[in-house]
Amino acid sequence: MQRARSIRQDIDRILVTQQQIADRVSEMANEISAELMSLEGDSEIVLLPIMTGSVIFVADLMRQLPMRLRIDVVTVSSYTGLSKKSQGARLRDKIPESIRGQHVLVIDDILDSGSTIRLIRSELENLGVRSMRSCMLLRKTIPSAMATPCEYVGFDIPDEFVVGYGLDYNGYYRNLPDICVLKADAH
């Protein structure tokens, strides 16, 4: 019988620790709350996480937002299979029309090429949302990411392929509690 392989042996190094993530998510929740609770009108706040990489981040963040909100989800594919480079953003399902006229907070795991958030922003503008803000756990320090508007950023990181805390490689490593860099030979 073959023994289960530990995913820890595939990790080159930890880039952002579990504690750093928890601390920053709490800080971001305070920043977001202060701004969103001051919005005019009686529209609710709609969280629109981009699945599936943001699932852990959005769960931790929304538990710290002390306002009335609801959640809808959208799935965008950028990386397929064993790819470590974005293949271009494509919506896998429609953005719910029920967010028309609402204040929307788009939540994603990582900002690198900027194509996902540009696609979502365009779709939301076409739907006629009242306002839109974006919240990223990670932003790569590369020109395309740094030039893409984003209201809330957890961490700026170097241009490395990272996994953990919801981010994956070929469907694996999402369950790591830290943001990690894979070894070059990990697969």
C-alpha atoms as a PDB file:
ATOM      1  CA  MET A   1       0.000   0.000   0.000  1.00  0.00           C
ATOM      2  CA  GLN A   2       1.340   3.422  -0.997  1.00  0.00           C
ATOM      3  CA  ARG A   3       1.787   5.964   1.787  1.00  0.00           C
ATOM      4  CA  ALA A   4       0.089   9.373   1.572  1.00  0.00           C
ATOM      5  CA  ARG A   5       2.471  12.115   0.541  1.00  0.00           C
ATOM      6  CA  SER A   6       2.780  15.212   2.727  1.00  0.00           C
ATOM      7  CA  ILE A   7       2.305  18.453   0.845  1.00  0.00           C
ATOM      8  CA  ARG A   8       4.790  20.142   3.187  1.00  0.00           C
ATOM      9  CA  GLN A   9       7.676  18.367   1.431  1.00  0.00           C
ATOM     10  CA  ASP A  10       6.852  20.312  -1.755  1.00  0.00           C
ATOM     11  CA  ILE A  11       7.293  23.712  -0.081  1.00  0.00           C
ATOM     12  CA  ASP A  12      10.434  25.709  -0.774  1.00  0.00           C
ATOM     13  CA  ARG A  13       9.644  28.442   1.764  1.00  0.00           C
ATOM     14  CA  ILE A  14       6.882  30.300   3.534  1.00  0.00           C
ATOM     15  CA  LEU A  15       6.324  33.781   2.143  1.00  0.00           C
ATOM     16  CA  VAL A  16       3.490  34.951   4.454  1.00  0.00           C
ATOM     17  CA  THR A  17       2.726  33.150   7.709  1.00  0.00           C
ATOM     18  CA  GLN A  18      -0.662  32.144   9.018  1.00  0.00           C
ATOM     19  CA  GLN A  19      -0.353  34.726  11.819  1.00  0.00           C
ATOM     20  CA  GLN A  20       0.595  37.514   9.412  1.00  0.00           C
ATOM     21  CA  ILE A  21      -2.456  36.640   7.318  1.00  0.00           C
ATOM     22  CA  ALA A  22      -4.786  36.658  10.342  1.00  0.00           C
ATOM     23  CA  ASP A  23      -3.438  40.018  11.512  1.00  0.00           C
ATOM     24  CA  ARG A  24      -3.735  41.619   8.079  1.00  0.00           C
ATOM     25  CA  VAL A  25      -7.228  40.245   7.418  1.00  0.00           C
ATOM     26  CA  SER A  26      -8.350  41.842  10.692  1.00  0.00           C
ATOM     27  CA  GLU A  27      -6.771  45.184   9.683  1.00  0.00           C
ATOM     28  CA  MET A  28      -8.396  44.992   6.249  1.00  0.00           C
ATOM     29  CA  ALA A  29     -11.806  44.252   7.791  1.00  0.00           C
ATOM     30  CA  ASN A  30     -11.465  47.414   9.885  1.00  0.00           C
ATOM     31  CA  GLU A  31     -10.509  49.488   6.814  1.00  0.00           C
ATOM     32  CA  ILE A  32     -13.327  48.052   4.719  1.00  0.00           C
ATOM     33  CA  SER A  33     -15.906  48.456   7.494  1.00  0.00           C
ATOM     34  CA  ALA A  34     -15.005  52.087   8.061  1.00  0.00           C
ATOM     35  CA  GLU A  35     -15.488  52.906   4.397  1.00  0.00           C
ATOM     36  CA  LEU A  36     -18.462  50.729   3.509  1.00  0.00           C
ATOM     37  CA  MET A  37     -20.511  51.627   6.576  1.00  0.00           C
ATOM     38  CA  SER A  38     -20.267  55.290   5.586  1.00  0.00           C
ATOM     39  CA  LEU A  39     -21.808  54.767   2.130  1.00  0.00           C
ATOM     40  CA  GLU A  40     -24.918  56.752   1.424  1.00  0.00           C
ATOM     41  CA  GLY A  41     -28.256  55.122   0.804  1.00  0.00           C
ATOM     42  CA  ASP A  42     -29.864  51.973   2.037  1.00  0.00           C
ATOM     43  CA  SER A  43     -28.322  49.595  -0.459  1.00  0.00           C
ATOM     44  CA  GLU A  44     -26.823  46.513   1.030  1.00  0.00           C
ATOM     45  CA  ILE A  45     -23.230  45.455   0.595  1.00  0.00           C
ATOM     46  CA  VAL A  46     -22.721  42.468  -1.698  1.00  0.00           C
ATOM     47  CA  LEU A  47     -19.514  40.473  -1.379  1.00  0.00           C
ATOM     48  CA  LEU A  48     -18.565  38.937  -4.716  1.00  0.00           C
ATOM     49  CA  PRO A  49     -15.718  36.497  -4.149  1.00  0.00           C
ATOM     50  CA  ILE A  50     -13.989  35.006  -7.148  1.00  0.00           C
ATOM     51  CA  MET A  51     -13.980  31.257  -6.666  1.00  0.00           C
ATOM     52  CA  THR A  52     -12.292  29.057  -5.778  1.00  0.00           C
ATOM     53  CA  GLY A  53      -9.023  30.596  -4.698  1.00  0.00           C
ATOM     54  CA  SER A  54     -10.612  33.232  -2.473  1.00  0.00           C
ATOM     55  CA  VAL A  55     -12.822  30.848  -0.480  1.00  0.00           C
ATOM     56  CA  ILE A  56     -10.694  30.815   2.686  1.00  0.00           C
ATOM     57  CA  PHE A  57      -9.904  34.523   2.494  1.00  0.00           C
ATOM     58  CA  VAL A  58     -13.539  35.567   2.054  1.00  0.00           C
ATOM     59  CA  ALA A  59     -14.663  33.293   4.903  1.00  0.00           C
ATOM     60  CA  ASP A  60     -12.138  34.850   7.289  1.00  0.00           C
ATOM     61  CA  LEU A  61     -12.792  38.400   6.090  1.00  0.00           C
ATOM     62  CA  MET A  62     -16.589  38.341   6.127  1.00  0.00           C
ATOM     63  CA  ARG A  63     -16.737  37.049   9.698  1.00  0.00           C
ATOM     64  CA  GLN A  64     -15.039  40.304  10.734  1.00  0.00           C
ATOM     65  CA  LEU A  65     -17.298  42.685   8.791  1.00  0.00           C
ATOM     66  CA  PRO A  66     -19.903  44.018  11.251  1.00  0.00           C
ATOM     67  CA  MET A  67     -22.411  45.167   8.636  1.00  0.00           C
ATOM     68  CA  ARG A  68     -25.432  43.741   6.923  1.00  0.00           C
ATOM     69  CA  LEU A  69     -24.219  42.039   3.768  1.00  0.00           C
ATOM     70  CA  ARG A  70     -24.937  39.200   1.432  1.00  0.00           C
ATOM     71  CA  ILE A  71     -22.707  37.067  -0.687  1.00  0.00           C
ATOM     72  CA  ASP A  72     -22.867  36.000  -4.309  1.00  0.00           C
ATOM     73  CA  VAL A  73     -20.054  34.190  -6.072  1.00  0.00           C
ATOM     74  CA  VAL A  74     -18.518  34.192  -9.510  1.00  0.00           C
ATOM     75  CA  THR A  75     -16.082  31.744 -11.036  1.00  0.00           C
ATOM     76  CA  VAL A  76     -13.331  32.923 -13.343  1.00  0.00           C
ATOM     77  CA  SER A  77     -10.718  30.633 -14.838  1.00  0.00           C
ATOM     78  CA  SER A  78      -7.232  31.940 -15.544  1.00  0.00           C
ATOM     79  CA  TYR A  79      -4.977  28.988 -14.767  1.00  0.00           C
ATOM     80  CA  THR A  80      -5.705  25.525 -16.067  1.00  0.00           C
ATOM     81  CA  GLY A  81      -4.152  22.215 -15.086  1.00  0.00           C
ATOM     82  CA  LEU A  82      -0.407  22.386 -14.538  1.00  0.00           C
ATOM     83  CA  SER A  83      -0.055  25.945 -15.820  1.00  0.00           C
ATOM     84  CA  LYS A  84       1.807  28.475 -13.691  1.00  0.00           C
ATOM     85  CA  LYS A  85       1.030  31.318 -16.118  1.00  0.00           C
ATOM     86  CA  SER A  86      -2.350  32.945 -16.605  1.00  0.00           C
ATOM     87  CA  GLN A  87      -4.179  31.733 -19.694  1.00  0.00           C
ATOM     88  CA  GLY A  88      -6.381  34.848 -19.735  1.00  0.00           C
ATOM     89  CA  ALA A  89      -9.479  35.438 -17.635  1.00  0.00           C
ATOM     90  CA  ARG A  90     -12.801  33.865 -18.652  1.00  0.00           C
ATOM     91  CA  LEU A  91     -16.086  33.949 -16.758  1.00  0.00           C
ATOM     92  CA  ARG A  92     -17.269  30.413 -16.081  1.00  0.00           C
ATOM     93  CA  ASP A  93     -20.737  31.571 -15.038  1.00  0.00           C
ATOM     94  CA  LYS A  94     -22.772  34.758 -15.175  1.00  0.00           C
ATOM     95  CA  ILE A  95     -22.570  37.392 -12.478  1.00  0.00           C
ATOM     96  CA  PRO A  96     -25.916  37.380 -10.658  1.00  0.00           C
ATOM     97  CA  GLU A  97     -28.211  40.153 -11.928  1.00  0.00           C
ATOM     98  CA  SER A  98     -29.465  40.675  -8.383  1.00  0.00           C
ATOM     99  CA  ILE A  99     -26.425  42.864  -7.675  1.00  0.00           C
ATOM    100  CA  ARG A 100     -27.680  45.596 -10.029  1.00  0.00           C
ATOM    101  CA  GLY A 101     -27.827  48.883  -8.103  1.00  0.00           C
ATOM    102  CA  GLN A 102     -25.870  47.497  -5.129  1.00  0.00           C
ATOM    103  CA  HIS A 103     -22.530  48.352  -3.543  1.00  0.00           C
ATOM    104  CA  VAL A 104     -20.211  45.463  -4.467  1.00  0.00           C
ATOM    105  CA  LEU A 105     -16.941  44.365  -2.912  1.00  0.00           C
ATOM    106  CA  VAL A 106     -15.087  41.982  -5.242  1.00  0.00           C
ATOM    107  CA  ILE A 107     -12.766  39.682  -3.317  1.00  0.00           C
ATOM    108  CA  ASP A 108      -9.976  37.689  -4.927  1.00  0.00           C
ATOM    109  CA  ASP A 109      -6.913  35.805  -3.802  1.00  0.00           C
ATOM    110  CA  ILE A 110      -4.219  37.318  -6.013  1.00  0.00           C
ATOM    111  CA  LEU A 111      -3.689  40.163  -8.444  1.00  0.00           C
ATOM    112  CA  ASP A 112      -1.054  39.450 -11.059  1.00  0.00           C
ATOM    113  CA  SER A 113      -1.915  40.142 -14.704  1.00  0.00           C
ATOM    114  CA  GLY A 114      -4.961  42.221 -13.733  1.00  0.00           C
ATOM    115  CA  SER A 115      -7.110  40.518 -16.375  1.00  0.00           C
ATOM    116  CA  THR A 116      -9.543  38.984 -13.871  1.00  0.00           C
ATOM    117  CA  ILE A 117     -10.366  42.213 -12.051  1.00  0.00           C
ATOM    118  CA  ARG A 118     -10.603  44.156 -15.328  1.00  0.00           C
ATOM    119  CA  LEU A 119     -13.069  41.558 -16.647  1.00  0.00           C
ATOM    120  CA  ILE A 120     -15.165  41.637 -13.465  1.00  0.00           C
ATOM    121  CA  ARG A 121     -15.094  45.452 -13.297  1.00  0.00           C
ATOM    122  CA  SER A 122     -16.366  45.668 -16.895  1.00  0.00           C
ATOM    123  CA  GLU A 123     -19.137  43.145 -16.215  1.00  0.00           C
ATOM    124  CA  LEU A 124     -20.225  44.991 -13.061  1.00  0.00           C
ATOM    125  CA  GLU A 125     -20.285  48.332 -14.870  1.00  0.00           C
ATOM    126  CA  ASN A 126     -22.467  46.757 -17.569  1.00  0.00           C
ATOM    127  CA  LEU A 127     -24.804  45.423 -14.866  1.00  0.00           C
ATOM    128  CA  GLY A 128     -25.158  48.881 -13.345  1.00  0.00           C
ATOM    129  CA  VAL A 129     -23.870  48.369  -9.806  1.00  0.00           C
ATOM    130  CA  ARG A 130     -24.048  51.377  -7.508  1.00  0.00           C
ATOM    131  CA  SER A 131     -20.361  51.148  -6.594  1.00  0.00           C
ATOM    132  CA  MET A 132     -17.571  48.643  -6.849  1.00  0.00           C
ATOM    133  CA  ARG A 133     -14.451  48.135  -4.798  1.00  0.00           C
ATOM    134  CA  SER A 134     -11.910  45.346  -5.016  1.00  0.00           C
ATOM    135  CA  CYS A 135     -10.079  43.539  -2.262  1.00  0.00           C
ATOM    136  CA  MET A 136      -7.079  41.298  -2.935  1.00  0.00           C
ATOM    137  CA  LEU A 137      -5.220  39.181  -0.447  1.00  0.00           C
ATOM    138  CA  LEU A 138      -2.041  39.330  -2.552  1.00  0.00           C
ATOM    139  CA  ARG A 139      -0.713  41.643  -5.254  1.00  0.00           C
ATOM    140  CA  LYS A 140       2.430  40.829  -7.185  1.00  0.00           C
ATOM    141  CA  THR A 141       4.948  43.649  -7.487  1.00  0.00           C
ATOM    142  CA  ILE A 142       4.921  43.575 -11.273  1.00  0.00           C
ATOM    143  CA  PRO A 143       3.842  46.426 -13.558  1.00  0.00           C
ATOM    144  CA  SER A 144       0.529  44.867 -14.668  1.00  0.00           C
ATOM    145  CA  ALA A 145      -0.602  44.275 -11.091  1.00  0.00           C
ATOM    146  CA  MET A 146       0.654  47.544  -9.673  1.00  0.00           C
ATOM    147  CA  ALA A 147      -1.128  49.485 -12.459  1.00  0.00           C
ATOM    148  CA  THR A 148      -4.480  47.759 -11.828  1.00  0.00           C
ATOM    149  CA  PRO A 149      -6.764  49.748  -9.520  1.00  0.00           C
ATOM    150  CA  CYS A 150      -7.490  47.943  -6.258  1.00  0.00           C
ATOM    151  CA  GLU A 151      -8.843  49.583  -3.125  1.00  0.00           C
ATOM    152  CA  TYR A 152      -7.718  47.004  -0.552  1.00  0.00           C
ATOM    153  CA  VAL A 153      -4.547  44.902  -0.714  1.00  0.00           C
ATOM    154  CA  GLY A 154      -3.379  42.499   1.955  1.00  0.00           C
ATOM    155  CA  PHE A 155       0.226  41.920   0.908  1.00  0.00           C
ATOM    156  CA  ASP A 156       2.493  42.926  -1.956  1.00  0.00           C
ATOM    157  CA  ILE A 157       4.626  39.922  -2.902  1.00  0.00           C
ATOM    158  CA  PRO A 158       7.400  39.218  -5.411  1.00  0.00           C
ATOM    159  CA  ASP A 159       6.582  37.654  -8.777  1.00  0.00           C
ATOM    160  CA  GLU A 160       6.630  34.037  -7.633  1.00  0.00           C
ATOM    161  CA  PHE A 161       4.079  31.274  -7.995  1.00  0.00           C
ATOM    162  CA  VAL A 162       2.473  30.827  -4.587  1.00  0.00           C
ATOM    163  CA  VAL A 163       0.102  28.337  -2.993  1.00  0.00           C
ATOM    164  CA  GLY A 164      -1.740  27.954   0.290  1.00  0.00           C
ATOM    165  CA  TYR A 165      -4.592  29.728   2.064  1.00  0.00           C
ATOM    166  CA  GLY A 166      -6.862  28.881  -0.865  1.00  0.00           C
ATOM    167  CA  LEU A 167      -4.358  29.256  -3.712  1.00  0.00           C
ATOM    168  CA  ASP A 168      -3.563  26.088  -5.609  1.00  0.00           C
ATOM    169  CA  TYR A 169      -1.378  24.366  -8.121  1.00  0.00           C
ATOM    170  CA  ASN A 170      -3.280  21.782 -10.165  1.00  0.00           C
ATOM    171  CA  GLY A 171      -5.970  21.692  -7.456  1.00  0.00           C
ATOM    172  CA  TYR A 172      -3.575  20.948  -4.583  1.00  0.00           C
ATOM    173  CA  TYR A 173      -2.098  22.960  -1.686  1.00  0.00           C
ATOM    174  CA  ARG A 174      -5.216  25.103  -0.994  1.00  0.00           C
ATOM    175  CA  ASN A 175      -5.298  23.663   2.539  1.00  0.00           C
ATOM    176  CA  LEU A 176      -1.898  25.030   3.597  1.00  0.00           C
ATOM    177  CA  PRO A 177      -2.413  27.703   6.280  1.00  0.00           C
ATOM    178  CA  ASP A 178       0.480  29.882   5.030  1.00  0.00           C
ATOM    179  CA  ILE A 179       1.275  31.468   1.643  1.00  0.00           C
ATOM    180  CA  CYS A 180       4.133  29.353   0.309  1.00  0.00           C
ATOM    181  CA  VAL A 181       6.474  29.098  -2.658  1.00  0.00           C
ATOM    182  CA  LEU A 182       6.659  25.625  -4.192  1.00  0.00           C
ATOM    183  CA  LYS A 183       9.912  23.857  -4.885  1.00  0.00           C
ATOM    184  CA  ALA A 184      10.783  23.935  -8.573  1.00  0.00           C
ATOM    185  CA  ASP A 185      10.321  20.156  -8.882  1.00  0.00           C
ATOM    186  CA  ALA A 186       6.988  19.973  -6.992  1.00  0.00           C
ATOM    187  CA  HIS A 187       4.134  18.418  -8.949  1.00  0.00           C
END
